Amino acid sequence: MFPDLNSRSTPAPPAWSRFSRCPCLFKNEALNITVVSYDGNLNFSFTACRTSLPRVQDVAVYTLAALEQLEEAVRDSGQRTPGQEG
């Protein structure tokens, strides 16, 4: 009654093969950083080619460190930042 799924004439592709190419990166592009500001938050999204940039999490860590340095520099300069009271 049900077809035998184990008897195929051609081998099935690996489950991950459809994810091996990222359609959100353009040709010759290794990293896409998207920044969105919403409801008082600044959100970052990192999309990278695993071959060209295998440790994309390092980019996220460096970005956080750079933002913390920027906030400190603005705080030390006495300038008001958006959303700051007073």
N, C-alpha and C. Protein backbone atom coordinates (compact mmCIF):
# COMPACT_ATOMS: atom_id res chain seq x y z
N MET A 1 0.80 -1.19 0.00
CA MET A 1 0.00 0.00 0.00
C MET A 1 0.86 1.27 0.00
N PHE A 2 1.90 1.31 0.85
CA PHE A 2 2.78 2.48 0.88
C PHE A 2 4.04 2.17 0.08
N PRO A 3 4.57 3.16 -0.61
CA PRO A 3 5.79 2.90 -1.39
C PRO A 3 6.98 2.65 -0.47
N ASP A 4 7.89 1.83 -0.95
CA ASP A 4 9.11 1.53 -0.19
C ASP A 4 10.09 2.68 -0.40
N LEU A 5 10.30 3.49 0.62
CA LEU A 5 11.16 4.66 0.51
C LEU A 5 12.64 4.30 0.56
N ASN A 6 12.96 3.10 0.97
CA ASN A 6 14.35 2.69 1.07
C ASN A 6 14.94 2.25 -0.26
N SER A 7 14.12 1.95 -1.24
CA SER A 7 14.64 1.49 -2.53
C SER A 7 14.55 2.62 -3.54
N ARG A 8 15.61 3.38 -3.66
CA ARG A 8 15.67 4.48 -4.62
C ARG A 8 16.71 4.15 -5.68
N SER A 9 16.49 4.61 -6.86
CA SER A 9 17.45 4.36 -7.92
C SER A 9 18.65 5.30 -7.82
N THR A 10 18.45 6.49 -7.25
CA THR A 10 19.56 7.43 -7.05
C THR A 10 19.65 7.75 -5.56
N PRO A 11 20.85 7.96 -5.07
CA PRO A 11 20.99 8.28 -3.65
C PRO A 11 20.41 9.67 -3.35
N ALA A 12 19.84 9.81 -2.19
CA ALA A 12 19.29 11.10 -1.76
C ALA A 12 20.43 12.04 -1.40
N PRO A 13 20.29 13.32 -1.71
CA PRO A 13 21.35 14.26 -1.33
C PRO A 13 21.36 14.43 0.19
N PRO A 14 22.50 14.82 0.75
CA PRO A 14 22.53 15.05 2.19
C PRO A 14 21.53 16.13 2.58
N ALA A 15 21.01 16.05 3.78
CA ALA A 15 19.99 16.99 4.23
C ALA A 15 20.51 18.42 4.26
N TRP A 16 21.80 18.60 4.52
CA TRP A 16 22.36 19.95 4.62
C TRP A 16 22.69 20.57 3.28
N SER A 17 22.64 19.81 2.19
CA SER A 17 23.11 20.33 0.91
C SER A 17 22.28 21.52 0.43
N ARG A 18 21.03 21.58 0.78
CA ARG A 18 20.22 22.71 0.32
C ARG A 18 20.57 24.00 1.05
N PHE A 19 21.33 23.88 2.17
CA PHE A 19 21.74 25.06 2.92
C PHE A 19 23.18 25.43 2.63
N SER A 20 23.87 24.68 1.79
CA SER A 20 25.29 24.92 1.57
C SER A 20 25.55 26.23 0.84
N ARG A 21 24.62 26.68 0.05
CA ARG A 21 24.77 27.97 -0.61
C ARG A 21 23.76 28.93 -0.02
N CYS A 22 24.25 30.05 0.41
CA CYS A 22 23.37 31.03 1.06
C CYS A 22 22.84 32.01 0.01
N PRO A 23 21.55 32.03 -0.26
CA PRO A 23 21.01 32.92 -1.28
C PRO A 23 21.04 34.39 -0.86
N CYS A 24 21.31 34.66 0.43
CA CYS A 24 21.30 36.05 0.88
C CYS A 24 22.65 36.73 0.68
N LEU A 25 23.66 36.02 0.20
CA LEU A 25 24.95 36.62 -0.12
C LEU A 25 25.07 36.70 -1.64
N PHE A 26 25.58 37.82 -2.12
CA PHE A 26 25.79 37.99 -3.55
C PHE A 26 27.07 37.28 -3.97
N LYS A 27 27.25 37.13 -5.26
CA LYS A 27 28.45 36.49 -5.79
C LYS A 27 29.69 37.24 -5.30
N ASN A 28 30.68 36.48 -4.85
CA ASN A 28 31.95 37.02 -4.35
C ASN A 28 31.78 37.81 -3.04
N GLU A 29 30.68 37.68 -2.37
CA GLU A 29 30.47 38.36 -1.10
C GLU A 29 30.67 37.34 0.02
N ALA A 30 31.48 37.71 1.03
CA ALA A 30 31.77 36.79 2.12
C ALA A 30 31.04 37.15 3.40
N LEU A 31 30.63 38.41 3.54
CA LEU A 31 30.00 38.85 4.78
C LEU A 31 28.93 39.89 4.50
N ASN A 32 27.78 39.73 5.13
CA ASN A 32 26.70 40.70 5.07
C ASN A 32 26.36 41.09 6.49
N ILE A 33 26.44 42.38 6.81
CA ILE A 33 26.08 42.88 8.14
C ILE A 33 24.85 43.76 7.95
N THR A 34 23.78 43.41 8.62
CA THR A 34 22.55 44.19 8.57
C THR A 34 22.34 44.82 9.94
N VAL A 35 22.06 46.12 9.96
CA VAL A 35 21.82 46.84 11.21
C VAL A 35 20.42 47.42 11.14
N VAL A 36 19.62 47.14 12.17
CA VAL A 36 18.25 47.62 12.23
C VAL A 36 18.02 48.29 13.58
N SER A 37 17.45 49.47 13.55
CA SER A 37 17.09 50.17 14.79
C SER A 37 15.58 50.06 14.94
N TYR A 38 15.14 49.57 16.09
CA TYR A 38 13.71 49.41 16.33
C TYR A 38 13.42 49.53 17.82
N ASP A 39 12.48 50.39 18.16
CA ASP A 39 11.99 50.52 19.52
C ASP A 39 13.12 50.77 20.53
N GLY A 40 14.05 51.65 20.15
CA GLY A 40 15.14 52.00 21.04
C GLY A 40 16.28 51.00 21.09
N ASN A 41 16.23 49.97 20.28
CA ASN A 41 17.30 48.96 20.24
C ASN A 41 18.01 49.01 18.90
N LEU A 42 19.30 48.70 18.92
CA LEU A 42 20.08 48.58 17.71
C LEU A 42 20.44 47.12 17.55
N ASN A 43 19.96 46.49 16.48
CA ASN A 43 20.15 45.06 16.27
C ASN A 43 21.08 44.81 15.09
N PHE A 44 22.02 43.88 15.27
CA PHE A 44 22.98 43.52 14.23
C PHE A 44 22.73 42.08 13.80
N SER A 45 22.83 41.84 12.51
CA SER A 45 22.73 40.49 11.98
C SER A 45 23.94 40.23 11.10
N PHE A 46 24.62 39.12 11.34
CA PHE A 46 25.81 38.77 10.57
C PHE A 46 25.51 37.50 9.78
N THR A 47 25.69 37.58 8.46
CA THR A 47 25.55 36.42 7.59
C THR A 47 26.86 36.27 6.84
N ALA A 48 27.46 35.10 6.95
CA ALA A 48 28.79 34.93 6.36
C ALA A 48 28.92 33.61 5.61
N CYS A 49 29.86 33.60 4.69
CA CYS A 49 30.22 32.39 3.98
C CYS A 49 31.15 31.58 4.89
N ARG A 50 30.77 30.34 5.16
CA ARG A 50 31.57 29.51 6.08
C ARG A 50 32.99 29.26 5.57
N THR A 51 33.15 29.22 4.27
CA THR A 51 34.47 28.97 3.70
C THR A 51 35.37 30.20 3.84
N SER A 52 34.85 31.36 3.52
CA SER A 52 35.64 32.58 3.55
C SER A 52 35.83 33.13 4.96
N LEU A 53 34.83 32.97 5.79
CA LEU A 53 34.86 33.53 7.14
C LEU A 53 34.31 32.49 8.12
N PRO A 54 35.11 31.48 8.45
CA PRO A 54 34.61 30.38 9.27
C PRO A 54 34.31 30.75 10.72
N ARG A 55 34.87 31.86 11.21
CA ARG A 55 34.64 32.26 12.60
C ARG A 55 33.92 33.60 12.65
N VAL A 56 32.73 33.65 12.09
CA VAL A 56 31.97 34.90 12.03
C VAL A 56 31.61 35.39 13.44
N GLN A 57 31.57 34.49 14.42
CA GLN A 57 31.25 34.91 15.78
C GLN A 57 32.32 35.88 16.30
N ASP A 58 33.55 35.78 15.80
CA ASP A 58 34.59 36.73 16.20
C ASP A 58 34.24 38.14 15.75
N VAL A 59 33.66 38.27 14.57
CA VAL A 59 33.25 39.58 14.08
C VAL A 59 32.19 40.18 15.01
N ALA A 60 31.28 39.36 15.48
CA ALA A 60 30.24 39.84 16.40
C ALA A 60 30.87 40.29 17.72
N VAL A 61 31.84 39.54 18.22
CA VAL A 61 32.51 39.91 19.48
C VAL A 61 33.26 41.22 19.31
N TYR A 62 33.98 41.38 18.18
CA TYR A 62 34.73 42.61 17.93
C TYR A 62 33.78 43.80 17.76
N THR A 63 32.63 43.57 17.15
CA THR A 63 31.64 44.64 16.98
C THR A 63 31.13 45.10 18.33
N LEU A 64 30.84 44.17 19.22
CA LEU A 64 30.39 44.53 20.57
C LEU A 64 31.46 45.34 21.29
N ALA A 65 32.70 44.91 21.21
CA ALA A 65 33.80 45.65 21.86
C ALA A 65 33.92 47.06 21.30
N ALA A 66 33.79 47.20 19.98
CA ALA A 66 33.88 48.52 19.36
C ALA A 66 32.72 49.41 19.77
N LEU A 67 31.52 48.85 19.89
CA LEU A 67 30.37 49.64 20.34
C LEU A 67 30.53 50.09 21.78
N GLU A 68 31.08 49.23 22.62
CA GLU A 68 31.33 49.61 24.02
C GLU A 68 32.35 50.74 24.09
N GLN A 69 33.39 50.69 23.26
CA GLN A 69 34.37 51.78 23.21
C GLN A 69 33.73 53.07 22.73
N LEU A 70 32.86 52.97 21.75
CA LEU A 70 32.17 54.15 21.22
C LEU A 70 31.27 54.77 22.28
N GLU A 71 30.51 53.94 23.00
CA GLU A 71 29.65 54.45 24.08
C GLU A 71 30.47 55.15 25.16
N GLU A 72 31.62 54.57 25.50
CA GLU A 72 32.48 55.16 26.52
C GLU A 72 33.03 56.51 26.04
N ALA A 73 33.43 56.59 24.77
CA ALA A 73 33.96 57.84 24.23
C ALA A 73 32.89 58.93 24.23
N VAL A 74 31.66 58.57 23.88
CA VAL A 74 30.56 59.54 23.88
C VAL A 74 30.25 59.97 25.31
N ARG A 75 30.24 59.01 26.23
CA ARG A 75 29.97 59.32 27.63
C ARG A 75 31.04 60.26 28.19
N ASP A 76 32.31 60.00 27.87
CA ASP A 76 33.40 60.84 28.36
C ASP A 76 33.40 62.23 27.75
N SER A 77 32.84 62.39 26.56
CA SER A 77 32.80 63.69 25.91
C SER A 77 31.69 64.58 26.47
N GLY A 78 30.78 63.99 27.22
CA GLY A 78 29.68 64.76 27.81
C GLY A 78 28.52 64.99 26.87
N GLN A 79 28.56 64.41 25.68
CA GLN A 79 27.46 64.57 24.73
C GLN A 79 26.29 63.68 25.15
N ARG A 80 25.09 64.15 24.86
CA ARG A 80 23.91 63.33 25.13
C ARG A 80 23.72 62.32 24.02
N THR A 81 23.29 61.14 24.41
CA THR A 81 22.98 60.12 23.42
C THR A 81 21.48 60.03 23.28
N PRO A 82 20.97 59.54 22.15
CA PRO A 82 19.52 59.40 21.97
C PRO A 82 18.92 58.55 23.09
N GLY A 83 17.81 59.02 23.62
CA GLY A 83 17.12 58.27 24.67
C GLY A 83 17.63 58.62 26.07
N GLN A 84 18.63 59.50 26.15
CA GLN A 84 19.18 59.88 27.44
C GLN A 84 18.32 60.97 28.04
N GLU A 85 18.01 60.84 29.32
CA GLU A 85 17.17 61.83 30.01
C GLU A 85 17.99 63.08 30.31
N GLY A 86 17.29 64.23 30.32
CA GLY A 86 17.92 65.46 30.77
C GLY A 86 18.47 66.22 29.65
